Amino acid sequence: TDKPDIIVLDIEMPGMDGITALPLLLRAC
């Protein structure tokens, strides 16, 4: 619903890690 200017993204996370989320976040924001 809203877009940030900067995303500080960890790499190792349970569920969806940072590498998997990176292209999806770039597409969404």
PDB file of all heavy atoms in Angstrom:
ATOM      1  N   THR A   1       0.799  -1.226   0.000  1.00  0.00           N
ATOM      2  CA  THR A   1       0.000   0.000   0.000  1.00  0.00           C
ATOM      3  C   THR A   1       0.831   1.275   0.000  1.00  0.00           C
ATOM      4  O   THR A   1       0.314   2.351  -0.306  1.00  0.00           O
ATOM      5  CB  THR A   1      -0.929   0.025   1.225  1.00  0.00           C
ATOM      6  OG1 THR A   1      -0.149  -0.091   2.419  1.00  0.00           O
ATOM      7  CG2 THR A   1      -1.920  -1.139   1.164  1.00  0.00           C
ATOM      8  N   ASP A   2       2.098   1.184   0.357  1.00  0.00           N
ATOM      9  CA  ASP A   2       2.956   2.366   0.398  1.00  0.00           C
ATOM     10  C   ASP A   2       4.379   1.924   0.093  1.00  0.00           C
ATOM     11  O   ASP A   2       4.715   0.741   0.226  1.00  0.00           O
ATOM     12  CB  ASP A   2       2.890   3.052   1.763  1.00  0.00           C
ATOM     13  CG  ASP A   2       3.352   4.503   1.699  1.00  0.00           C
ATOM     14  OD1 ASP A   2       3.702   4.951   0.589  1.00  0.00           O
ATOM     15  OD2 ASP A   2       3.362   5.173   2.743  1.00  0.00           O
ATOM     16  N   LYS A   3       5.222   2.868  -0.327  1.00  0.00           N
ATOM     17  CA  LYS A   3       6.570   2.514  -0.778  1.00  0.00           C
ATOM     18  C   LYS A   3       7.620   3.245   0.040  1.00  0.00           C
ATOM     19  O   LYS A   3       7.551   4.469   0.195  1.00  0.00           O
ATOM     20  CB  LYS A   3       6.750   2.876  -2.259  1.00  0.00           C
ATOM     21  CG  LYS A   3       5.641   2.382  -3.174  1.00  0.00           C
ATOM     22  CD  LYS A   3       5.481   0.885  -3.157  1.00  0.00           C
ATOM     23  CE  LYS A   3       4.343   0.428  -4.067  1.00  0.00           C
ATOM     24  NZ  LYS A   3       4.081  -1.022  -3.942  1.00  0.00           N
ATOM     25  N   PRO A   4       8.629   2.516   0.547  1.00  0.00           N
ATOM     26  CA  PRO A   4       9.740   3.179   1.256  1.00  0.00           C
ATOM     27  C   PRO A   4      10.761   3.715   0.265  1.00  0.00           C
ATOM     28  O   PRO A   4      10.722   3.406  -0.932  1.00  0.00           O
ATOM     29  CB  PRO A   4      10.326   2.035   2.093  1.00  0.00           C
ATOM     30  CG  PRO A   4      10.067   0.815   1.262  1.00  0.00           C
ATOM     31  CD  PRO A   4       8.752   1.049   0.571  1.00  0.00           C
ATOM     32  N   ASP A   5      11.673   4.526   0.772  1.00  0.00           N
ATOM     33  CA  ASP A   5      12.786   5.016  -0.045  1.00  0.00           C
ATOM     34  C   ASP A   5      13.979   4.070   0.009  1.00  0.00           C
ATOM     35  O   ASP A   5      14.671   3.880  -0.995  1.00  0.00           O
ATOM     36  CB  ASP A   5      13.213   6.408   0.440  1.00  0.00           C
ATOM     37  CG  ASP A   5      12.080   7.411   0.394  1.00  0.00           C
ATOM     38  OD1 ASP A   5      11.403   7.494  -0.643  1.00  0.00           O
ATOM     39  OD2 ASP A   5      11.869   8.105   1.405  1.00  0.00           O
ATOM     40  N   ILE A   6      14.222   3.502   1.185  1.00  0.00           N
ATOM     41  CA  ILE A   6      15.356   2.605   1.409  1.00  0.00           C
ATOM     42  C   ILE A   6      14.854   1.342   2.107  1.00  0.00           C
ATOM     43  O   ILE A   6      14.002   1.414   2.991  1.00  0.00           O
ATOM     44  CB  ILE A   6      16.445   3.270   2.285  1.00  0.00           C
ATOM     45  CG1 ILE A   6      17.000   4.530   1.603  1.00  0.00           C
ATOM     46  CG2 ILE A   6      17.568   2.294   2.602  1.00  0.00           C
ATOM     47  CD1 ILE A   6      17.848   4.263   0.377  1.00  0.00           C
ATOM     48  N   ILE A   7      15.401   0.177   1.706  1.00  0.00           N
ATOM     49  CA  ILE A   7      15.109  -1.096   2.373  1.00  0.00           C
ATOM     50  C   ILE A   7      16.433  -1.679   2.848  1.00  0.00           C
ATOM     51  O   ILE A   7      17.340  -1.905   2.041  1.00  0.00           O
ATOM     52  CB  ILE A   7      14.395  -2.087   1.439  1.00  0.00           C
ATOM     53  CG1 ILE A   7      13.069  -1.507   0.949  1.00  0.00           C
ATOM     54  CG2 ILE A   7      14.154  -3.419   2.161  1.00  0.00           C
ATOM     55  CD1 ILE A   7      12.357  -2.382  -0.081  1.00  0.00           C
ATOM     56  N   VAL A   8      16.553  -1.867   4.163  1.00  0.00           N
ATOM     57  CA  VAL A   8      17.721  -2.543   4.733  1.00  0.00           C
ATOM     58  C   VAL A   8      17.337  -4.017   4.863  1.00  0.00           C
ATOM     59  O   VAL A   8      16.489  -4.375   5.682  1.00  0.00           O
ATOM     60  CB  VAL A   8      18.118  -1.939   6.092  1.00  0.00           C
ATOM     61  CG1 VAL A   8      19.335  -2.659   6.655  1.00  0.00           C
ATOM     62  CG2 VAL A   8      18.394  -0.440   5.949  1.00  0.00           C
ATOM     63  N   LEU A   9      17.970  -4.861   4.053  1.00  0.00           N
ATOM     64  CA  LEU A   9      17.518  -6.247   3.886  1.00  0.00           C
ATOM     65  C   LEU A   9      18.579  -7.227   4.380  1.00  0.00           C
ATOM     66  O   LEU A   9      19.709  -7.238   3.874  1.00  0.00           O
ATOM     67  CB  LEU A   9      17.212  -6.498   2.409  1.00  0.00           C
ATOM     68  CG  LEU A   9      16.642  -7.864   2.019  1.00  0.00           C
ATOM     69  CD1 LEU A   9      15.307  -8.122   2.711  1.00  0.00           C
ATOM     70  CD2 LEU A   9      16.493  -7.954   0.493  1.00  0.00           C
ATOM     71  N   ASP A  10      18.189  -8.041   5.365  1.00  0.00           N
ATOM     72  CA  ASP A  10      19.061  -9.116   5.840  1.00  0.00           C
ATOM     73  C   ASP A  10      19.105 -10.226   4.789  1.00  0.00           C
ATOM     74  O   ASP A  10      18.189 -10.352   3.956  1.00  0.00           O
ATOM     75  CB  ASP A  10      18.539  -9.649   7.180  1.00  0.00           C
ATOM     76  CG  ASP A  10      19.513 -10.619   7.831  1.00  0.00           C
ATOM     77  OD1 ASP A  10      20.700 -10.621   7.455  1.00  0.00           O
ATOM     78  OD2 ASP A  10      19.067 -11.368   8.724  1.00  0.00           O
ATOM     79  N   ILE A  11      20.151 -11.025   4.832  1.00  0.00           N
ATOM     80  CA  ILE A  11      20.293 -12.105   3.848  1.00  0.00           C
ATOM     81  C   ILE A  11      19.693 -13.401   4.371  1.00  0.00           C
ATOM     82  O   ILE A  11      18.829 -14.014   3.727  1.00  0.00           O
ATOM     83  CB  ILE A  11      21.777 -12.295   3.467  1.00  0.00           C
ATOM     84  CG1 ILE A  11      22.264 -11.084   2.662  1.00  0.00           C
ATOM     85  CG2 ILE A  11      21.961 -13.585   2.656  1.00  0.00           C
ATOM     86  CD1 ILE A  11      23.728 -11.154   2.273  1.00  0.00           C
ATOM     87  N   GLU A  12      20.132 -13.845   5.536  1.00  0.00           N
ATOM     88  CA  GLU A  12      19.681 -15.126   6.076  1.00  0.00           C
ATOM     89  C   GLU A  12      18.467 -14.924   6.980  1.00  0.00           C
ATOM     90  O   GLU A  12      18.583 -14.362   8.082  1.00  0.00           O
ATOM     91  CB  GLU A  12      20.819 -15.795   6.848  1.00  0.00           C
ATOM     92  CG  GLU A  12      21.983 -16.196   5.956  1.00  0.00           C
ATOM     93  CD  GLU A  12      23.084 -16.880   6.747  1.00  0.00           C
ATOM     94  OE1 GLU A  12      23.189 -16.627   7.965  1.00  0.00           O
ATOM     95  OE2 GLU A  12      23.836 -17.655   6.159  1.00  0.00           O
ATOM     96  N   MET A  13      17.301 -15.353   6.506  1.00  0.00           N
ATOM     97  CA  MET A  13      16.054 -15.236   7.264  1.00  0.00           C
ATOM     98  C   MET A  13      15.203 -16.469   6.985  1.00  0.00           C
ATOM     99  O   MET A  13      15.246 -17.017   5.869  1.00  0.00           O
ATOM    100  CB  MET A  13      15.283 -13.964   6.850  1.00  0.00           C
ATOM    101  CG  MET A  13      15.973 -12.670   7.200  1.00  0.00           C
ATOM    102  SD  MET A  13      15.031 -11.207   6.627  1.00  0.00           S
ATOM    103  CE  MET A  13      15.214 -11.378   4.846  1.00  0.00           C
ATOM    104  N   PRO A  14      14.438 -16.918   7.962  1.00  0.00           N
ATOM    105  CA  PRO A  14      13.538 -18.059   7.725  1.00  0.00           C
ATOM    106  C   PRO A  14      12.357 -17.641   6.849  1.00  0.00           C
ATOM    107  O   PRO A  14      12.013 -16.465   6.755  1.00  0.00           O
ATOM    108  CB  PRO A  14      13.079 -18.437   9.137  1.00  0.00           C
ATOM    109  CG  PRO A  14      13.182 -17.173   9.915  1.00  0.00           C
ATOM    110  CD  PRO A  14      14.347 -16.429   9.349  1.00  0.00           C
ATOM    111  N   GLY A  15      11.745 -18.624   6.220  1.00  0.00           N
ATOM    112  CA  GLY A  15      10.614 -18.341   5.348  1.00  0.00           C
ATOM    113  C   GLY A  15      11.085 -17.904   3.977  1.00  0.00           C
ATOM    114  O   GLY A  15      11.284 -18.730   3.084  1.00  0.00           O
ATOM    115  N   MET A  16      11.283 -16.623   3.781  1.00  0.00           N
ATOM    116  CA  MET A  16      11.833 -16.089   2.530  1.00  0.00           C
ATOM    117  C   MET A  16      13.071 -15.281   2.855  1.00  0.00           C
ATOM    118  O   MET A  16      12.997 -14.265   3.547  1.00  0.00           O
ATOM    119  CB  MET A  16      10.804 -15.215   1.802  1.00  0.00           C
ATOM    120  CG  MET A  16      11.298 -14.662   0.459  1.00  0.00           C
ATOM    121  SD  MET A  16      10.127 -13.524  -0.342  1.00  0.00           S
ATOM    122  CE  MET A  16       8.835 -14.676  -0.811  1.00  0.00           C
ATOM    123  N   ASP A  17      14.224 -15.720   2.372  1.00  0.00           N
ATOM    124  CA  ASP A  17      15.477 -15.027   2.680  1.00  0.00           C
ATOM    125  C   ASP A  17      15.641 -13.794   1.800  1.00  0.00           C
ATOM    126  O   ASP A  17      14.821 -13.496   0.928  1.00  0.00           O
ATOM    127  CB  ASP A  17      16.669 -15.974   2.537  1.00  0.00           C
ATOM    128  CG  ASP A  17      16.819 -16.531   1.129  1.00  0.00           C
ATOM    129  OD1 ASP A  17      16.288 -15.919   0.180  1.00  0.00           O
ATOM    130  OD2 ASP A  17      17.468 -17.587   0.963  1.00  0.00           O
ATOM    131  N   GLY A  18      16.736 -13.068   2.072  1.00  0.00           N
ATOM    132  CA  GLY A  18      16.940 -11.814   1.366  1.00  0.00           C
ATOM    133  C   GLY A  18      17.192 -11.955  -0.117  1.00  0.00           C
ATOM    134  O   GLY A  18      16.709 -11.128  -0.909  1.00  0.00           O
ATOM    135  N   ILE A  19      17.924 -12.994  -0.542  1.00  0.00           N
ATOM    136  CA  ILE A  19      18.220 -13.182  -1.959  1.00  0.00           C
ATOM    137  C   ILE A  19      16.940 -13.495  -2.739  1.00  0.00           C
ATOM    138  O   ILE A  19      16.742 -13.007  -3.857  1.00  0.00           O
ATOM    139  CB  ILE A  19      19.263 -14.292  -2.137  1.00  0.00           C
ATOM    140  CG1 ILE A  19      20.615 -13.826  -1.578  1.00  0.00           C
ATOM    141  CG2 ILE A  19      19.416 -14.660  -3.602  1.00  0.00           C
ATOM    142  CD1 ILE A  19      21.201 -12.627  -2.278  1.00  0.00           C
ATOM    143  N   THR A  20      16.067 -14.283  -2.144  1.00  0.00           N
ATOM    144  CA  THR A  20      14.796 -14.598  -2.805  1.00  0.00           C
ATOM    145  C   THR A  20      13.896 -13.375  -2.868  1.00  0.00           C
ATOM    146  O   THR A  20      13.210 -13.131  -3.874  1.00  0.00           O
ATOM    147  CB  THR A  20      14.073 -15.738  -2.068  1.00  0.00           C
ATOM    148  OG1 THR A  20      14.948 -16.871  -1.977  1.00  0.00           O
ATOM    149  CG2 THR A  20      12.794 -16.132  -2.785  1.00  0.00           C
ATOM    150  N   ALA A  21      13.881 -12.580  -1.794  1.00  0.00           N
ATOM    151  CA  ALA A  21      12.994 -11.414  -1.741  1.00  0.00           C
ATOM    152  C   ALA A  21      13.499 -10.241  -2.574  1.00  0.00           C
ATOM    153  O   ALA A  21      12.692  -9.397  -2.997  1.00  0.00           O
ATOM    154  CB  ALA A  21      12.832 -10.964  -0.288  1.00  0.00           C
ATOM    155  N   LEU A  22      14.813 -10.185  -2.832  1.00  0.00           N
ATOM    156  CA  LEU A  22      15.407  -9.026  -3.500  1.00  0.00           C
ATOM    157  C   LEU A  22      14.739  -8.697  -4.837  1.00  0.00           C
ATOM    158  O   LEU A  22      14.269  -7.555  -5.029  1.00  0.00           O
ATOM    159  CB  LEU A  22      16.908  -9.238  -3.665  1.00  0.00           C
ATOM    160  CG  LEU A  22      17.664  -8.168  -4.474  1.00  0.00           C
ATOM    161  CD1 LEU A  22      17.531  -6.805  -3.826  1.00  0.00           C
ATOM    162  CD2 LEU A  22      19.138  -8.566  -4.610  1.00  0.00           C
ATOM    163  N   PRO A  23      14.668  -9.611  -5.809  1.00  0.00           N
ATOM    164  CA  PRO A  23      14.041  -9.238  -7.089  1.00  0.00           C
ATOM    165  C   PRO A  23      12.548  -8.922  -6.957  1.00  0.00           C
ATOM    166  O   PRO A  23      12.023  -8.079  -7.703  1.00  0.00           O
ATOM    167  CB  PRO A  23      14.282 -10.473  -7.975  1.00  0.00           C
ATOM    168  CG  PRO A  23      14.517 -11.593  -7.026  1.00  0.00           C
ATOM    169  CD  PRO A  23      15.175 -10.988  -5.836  1.00  0.00           C
ATOM    170  N   LEU A  24      11.872  -9.583  -6.006  1.00  0.00           N
ATOM    171  CA  LEU A  24      10.446  -9.315  -5.807  1.00  0.00           C
ATOM    172  C   LEU A  24      10.228  -7.911  -5.234  1.00  0.00           C
ATOM    173  O   LEU A  24       9.288  -7.203  -5.630  1.00  0.00           O
ATOM    174  CB  LEU A  24       9.841 -10.367  -4.878  1.00  0.00           C
ATOM    175  CG  LEU A  24       9.961 -11.828  -5.347  1.00  0.00           C
ATOM    176  CD1 LEU A  24       9.403 -12.779  -4.302  1.00  0.00           C
ATOM    177  CD2 LEU A  24       9.264 -12.020  -6.691  1.00  0.00           C
ATOM    178  N   LEU A  25      11.091  -7.501  -4.306  1.00  0.00           N
ATOM    179  CA  LEU A  25      10.985  -6.159  -3.740  1.00  0.00           C
ATOM    180  C   LEU A  25      11.331  -5.091  -4.778  1.00  0.00           C
ATOM    181  O   LEU A  25      10.698  -4.021  -4.817  1.00  0.00           O
ATOM    182  CB  LEU A  25      11.895  -6.032  -2.522  1.00  0.00           C
ATOM    183  CG  LEU A  25      11.446  -6.777  -1.266  1.00  0.00           C
ATOM    184  CD1 LEU A  25      12.548  -6.768  -0.206  1.00  0.00           C
ATOM    185  CD2 LEU A  25      10.169  -6.160  -0.700  1.00  0.00           C
ATOM    186  N   LEU A  26      12.298  -5.375  -5.628  1.00  0.00           N
ATOM    187  CA  LEU A  26      12.657  -4.422  -6.681  1.00  0.00           C
ATOM    188  C   LEU A  26      11.510  -4.269  -7.676  1.00  0.00           C
ATOM    189  O   LEU A  26      11.287  -3.177  -8.211  1.00  0.00           O
ATOM    190  CB  LEU A  26      13.924  -4.882  -7.398  1.00  0.00           C
ATOM    191  CG  LEU A  26      15.230  -4.748  -6.610  1.00  0.00           C
ATOM    192  CD1 LEU A  26      16.379  -5.391  -7.366  1.00  0.00           C
ATOM    193  CD2 LEU A  26      15.536  -3.285  -6.329  1.00  0.00           C
ATOM    194  N   ARG A  27      10.774  -5.346  -7.900  1.00  0.00           N
ATOM    195  CA  ARG A  27       9.630  -5.266  -8.798  1.00  0.00           C
ATOM    196  C   ARG A  27       8.473  -4.507  -8.139  1.00  0.00           C
ATOM    197  O   ARG A  27       7.771  -3.737  -8.799  1.00  0.00           O
ATOM    198  CB  ARG A  27       9.191  -6.685  -9.174  1.00  0.00           C
ATOM    199  CG  ARG A  27       8.314  -6.749 -10.428  1.00  0.00           C
ATOM    200  CD  ARG A  27       8.048  -8.194 -10.814  1.00  0.00           C
ATOM    201  NE  ARG A  27       9.294  -8.918 -10.989  1.00  0.00           N
ATOM    202  CZ  ARG A  27       9.528 -10.138 -10.491  1.00  0.00           C
ATOM    203  NH1 ARG A  27       8.607 -10.758  -9.771  1.00  0.00           N
ATOM    204  NH2 ARG A  27      10.685 -10.739 -10.710  1.00  0.00           N
ATOM    205  N   ALA A  28       8.288  -4.716  -6.827  1.00  0.00           N
ATOM    206  CA  ALA A  28       7.204  -4.033  -6.119  1.00  0.00           C
ATOM    207  C   ALA A  28       7.536  -2.571  -5.833  1.00  0.00           C
ATOM    208  O   ALA A  28       6.640  -1.728  -5.801  1.00  0.00           O
ATOM    209  CB  ALA A  28       6.892  -4.766  -4.814  1.00  0.00           C
ATOM    210  N   CYS A  29       8.820  -2.269  -5.616  1.00  0.00           N
ATOM    211  CA  CYS A  29       9.266  -0.893  -5.302  1.00  0.00           C
ATOM    212  C   CYS A  29      10.424  -0.521  -6.226  1.00  0.00           C
ATOM    213  O   CYS A  29      11.585  -0.502  -5.790  1.00  0.00           O
ATOM    214  CB  CYS A  29       9.699  -0.772  -3.844  1.00  0.00           C
ATOM    215  SG  CYS A  29       8.476  -1.278  -2.642  1.00  0.00           S
TER     216      CYS A  29
END
